[in-house]
Amino acid sequence: MTGASEAPNHFRTRPFNSSLEYGFRALFILNAADGAAMDLQRMVSYDYLIVHSGDVRGGPESLHPAVPHRGTELLVKRSSIHAGLNQMLSRELIEVAFAPEGILYRASELTGRFLQLLVSSYALELAKRARWVTNMFGYLSNDELATFMATNVEYWGAEFDRLTAVDLLDL
């Protein structure tokens, strides 16, 4: 008989929304940045934008489903992305740079080689979105990117508010 403490391994290790998943996406972002280093907050913004690219006017279709209030992801994913970056750093898949503005992350010489091994359709689409994000937002300063994110976050997922309000009506 299996006790509660002996749950199957697939129930203990869930890759979705884990630091490992965030770390893998960070590799795609940093690889697409062509050697540019970026801070954690930019990584958080870019991570949101590569999976919800459809939230940006003219952006490619989102990789992840449109869920209500998805903009709030920006508030909760910072620590998971940081943990994912540390996992990738421990495997020498990224590098850390210390700069006057703080700790920055960039691709290592192993990043691109590792990503070439990932050939699923999701990985290929993720690479496309990472290139799109770095091309679309790479010219913005950190303050300009923060302003863009803050200005738009209230709309991302808000399309469900009207539906929820209608459901709450007593007709």
Protein backbone atom coordinates (compact mmCIF):
# COMPACT_ATOMS: atom_id res chain seq x y z
CA MET A 1 0.00 0.00 0.00
CA THR A 2 1.29 3.44 -0.88
CA GLY A 3 1.13 6.05 1.86
CA ALA A 4 0.58 9.75 1.36
CA SER A 5 4.30 10.39 1.81
CA GLU A 6 5.06 7.93 -0.97
CA ALA A 7 3.31 9.79 -3.81
CA PRO A 8 4.48 8.85 -7.29
CA ASN A 9 7.37 10.97 -8.53
CA HIS A 10 5.30 12.59 -11.29
CA PHE A 11 3.11 14.18 -8.61
CA ARG A 12 6.10 15.65 -6.75
CA THR A 13 7.91 17.06 -9.79
CA ARG A 14 5.66 19.27 -11.87
CA PRO A 15 7.45 21.12 -14.63
CA PHE A 16 4.61 23.53 -15.46
CA ASN A 17 5.08 26.89 -13.72
CA SER A 18 8.21 25.57 -12.03
CA SER A 19 11.57 27.25 -11.73
CA LEU A 20 12.87 24.73 -14.27
CA GLU A 21 10.31 25.86 -16.86
CA TYR A 22 11.13 29.51 -16.19
CA GLY A 23 14.83 28.72 -16.42
CA PHE A 24 14.41 27.05 -19.81
CA ARG A 25 12.46 30.03 -21.14
CA ALA A 26 15.18 32.32 -19.80
CA LEU A 27 17.69 30.44 -21.94
CA PHE A 28 15.65 31.22 -25.05
CA ILE A 29 15.40 34.89 -24.07
CA LEU A 30 19.10 35.29 -23.33
CA ASN A 31 20.10 33.42 -26.47
CA ALA A 32 17.92 35.71 -28.58
CA ALA A 33 19.50 38.75 -26.94
CA ASP A 34 22.76 38.12 -28.85
CA GLY A 35 25.10 38.63 -25.92
CA ALA A 36 23.22 41.49 -24.28
CA ALA A 37 22.93 41.19 -20.51
CA MET A 38 19.70 41.99 -18.69
CA ASP A 39 18.47 42.30 -15.14
CA LEU A 40 15.90 40.17 -13.40
CA GLN A 41 13.01 42.60 -13.91
CA ARG A 42 13.58 42.64 -17.68
CA MET A 43 13.66 38.84 -17.60
CA VAL A 44 10.31 38.82 -15.78
CA SER A 45 8.78 41.15 -18.37
CA TYR A 46 10.21 39.22 -21.31
CA ASP A 47 9.03 35.91 -19.86
CA TYR A 48 5.49 37.24 -19.70
CA LEU A 49 5.72 38.65 -23.22
CA ILE A 50 7.03 35.47 -24.86
CA VAL A 51 4.20 33.32 -23.56
CA HIS A 52 1.48 35.96 -23.91
CA SER A 53 2.77 37.64 -27.07
CA GLY A 54 -0.78 38.00 -28.37
CA ASP A 55 -1.39 40.59 -25.64
CA VAL A 56 0.83 43.01 -27.55
CA ARG A 57 -0.80 44.73 -30.51
CA GLY A 58 0.62 43.17 -33.67
CA GLY A 59 2.40 40.43 -31.71
CA PRO A 60 2.40 36.76 -32.68
CA GLU A 61 -0.23 34.41 -31.32
CA SER A 62 0.29 33.61 -27.64
CA LEU A 63 1.90 30.29 -26.75
CA HIS A 64 -0.11 29.93 -23.55
CA PRO A 65 -3.87 30.23 -23.19
CA ALA A 66 -5.51 33.54 -22.45
CA VAL A 67 -6.62 33.20 -18.84
CA PRO A 68 -8.42 35.80 -16.72
CA HIS A 69 -6.21 38.35 -15.00
CA ARG A 70 -3.04 36.88 -16.51
CA GLY A 71 -1.31 40.24 -16.03
CA THR A 72 -1.03 39.39 -12.34
CA GLU A 73 1.54 36.73 -13.32
CA LEU A 74 4.05 39.58 -13.30
CA LEU A 75 3.59 39.87 -9.54
CA VAL A 76 4.17 36.23 -8.69
CA LYS A 77 6.75 34.87 -11.11
CA ARG A 78 9.79 36.92 -10.06
CA SER A 79 11.05 34.46 -7.42
CA SER A 80 10.44 31.45 -9.70
CA ILE A 81 12.33 33.10 -12.56
CA HIS A 82 15.17 33.96 -10.19
CA ALA A 83 15.31 30.33 -9.03
CA GLY A 84 15.25 29.18 -12.67
CA LEU A 85 18.12 31.50 -13.54
CA ASN A 86 20.09 30.07 -10.62
CA GLN A 87 19.44 26.52 -11.90
CA MET A 88 20.70 27.49 -15.36
CA LEU A 89 23.69 29.26 -13.82
CA SER A 90 24.57 26.14 -11.81
CA ARG A 91 24.79 24.22 -15.10
CA GLU A 92 26.86 26.99 -16.76
CA LEU A 93 24.10 27.59 -19.29
CA ILE A 94 24.09 31.31 -18.46
CA GLU A 95 26.54 33.79 -16.99
CA VAL A 96 26.20 36.55 -14.42
CA ALA A 97 27.64 40.01 -14.93
CA PHE A 98 28.03 42.51 -12.13
CA ALA A 99 27.36 46.06 -13.28
CA PRO A 100 26.71 49.41 -11.62
CA GLU A 101 22.97 48.85 -12.19
CA GLY A 102 23.08 45.46 -10.44
CA ILE A 103 23.26 41.78 -11.30
CA LEU A 104 22.76 41.04 -14.99
CA TYR A 105 22.29 37.75 -16.82
CA ARG A 106 23.51 36.77 -20.27
CA ALA A 107 23.88 33.69 -22.42
CA SER A 108 27.02 31.59 -22.00
CA GLU A 109 28.88 29.81 -24.77
CA LEU A 110 26.79 26.71 -23.94
CA THR A 111 23.36 28.36 -24.20
CA GLY A 112 22.93 28.16 -27.97
CA ARG A 113 24.39 24.67 -28.17
CA PHE A 114 22.01 23.42 -25.51
CA LEU A 115 18.99 25.03 -27.17
CA GLN A 116 19.86 23.36 -30.48
CA LEU A 117 19.06 20.05 -28.76
CA LEU A 118 15.49 21.16 -28.07
CA VAL A 119 13.57 20.47 -31.26
CA SER A 120 9.92 20.22 -30.20
CA SER A 121 7.40 22.47 -31.91
CA TYR A 122 6.97 24.34 -28.60
CA ALA A 123 10.72 24.99 -28.40
CA LEU A 124 10.80 26.26 -31.98
CA GLU A 125 7.85 28.58 -31.32
CA LEU A 126 9.45 29.73 -28.08
CA ALA A 127 12.63 30.63 -29.97
CA LYS A 128 10.59 32.67 -32.47
CA ARG A 129 8.81 34.53 -29.66
CA ALA A 130 12.11 35.18 -27.85
CA ARG A 131 13.56 36.74 -31.02
CA TRP A 132 10.39 38.78 -31.46
CA VAL A 133 10.50 40.04 -27.85
CA THR A 134 14.17 41.01 -27.97
CA ASN A 135 13.72 42.75 -31.32
CA MET A 136 10.52 44.51 -30.27
CA PHE A 137 11.56 45.63 -26.77
CA GLY A 138 15.36 45.39 -26.71
CA TYR A 139 15.82 49.05 -27.64
CA LEU A 140 13.76 50.21 -24.63
CA SER A 141 15.51 51.25 -21.45
CA ASN A 142 14.55 49.41 -18.28
CA ASP A 143 12.39 52.37 -17.26
CA GLU A 144 10.65 52.49 -20.65
CA LEU A 145 9.96 48.75 -20.53
CA ALA A 146 8.61 49.07 -16.97
CA THR A 147 6.33 51.89 -18.13
CA PHE A 148 5.05 49.81 -21.07
CA MET A 149 4.32 46.86 -18.80
CA ALA A 150 2.65 48.99 -16.10
CA THR A 151 0.53 50.82 -18.68
CA ASN A 152 -0.77 47.63 -20.28
CA VAL A 153 -0.94 45.06 -17.47
CA GLU A 154 -4.42 46.13 -16.38
CA TYR A 155 -5.79 45.14 -19.81
CA TRP A 156 -4.14 41.71 -20.03
CA GLY A 157 -6.81 39.25 -19.06
CA ALA A 158 -9.41 41.95 -18.45
CA GLU A 159 -11.47 40.72 -21.42
CA PHE A 160 -12.86 38.14 -19.00
CA ASP A 161 -14.16 40.79 -16.56
CA ARG A 162 -17.23 41.51 -18.68
CA LEU A 163 -18.02 37.80 -18.93
CA THR A 164 -17.71 37.39 -15.17
CA ALA A 165 -19.95 40.39 -14.54
CA VAL A 166 -22.61 38.94 -16.87
CA ASP A 167 -22.40 35.57 -15.09
CA LEU A 168 -23.01 37.31 -11.74
CA LEU A 169 -26.21 38.99 -12.93
CA ASP A 170 -29.38 37.51 -11.53
CA LEU A 171 -31.74 37.39 -14.50
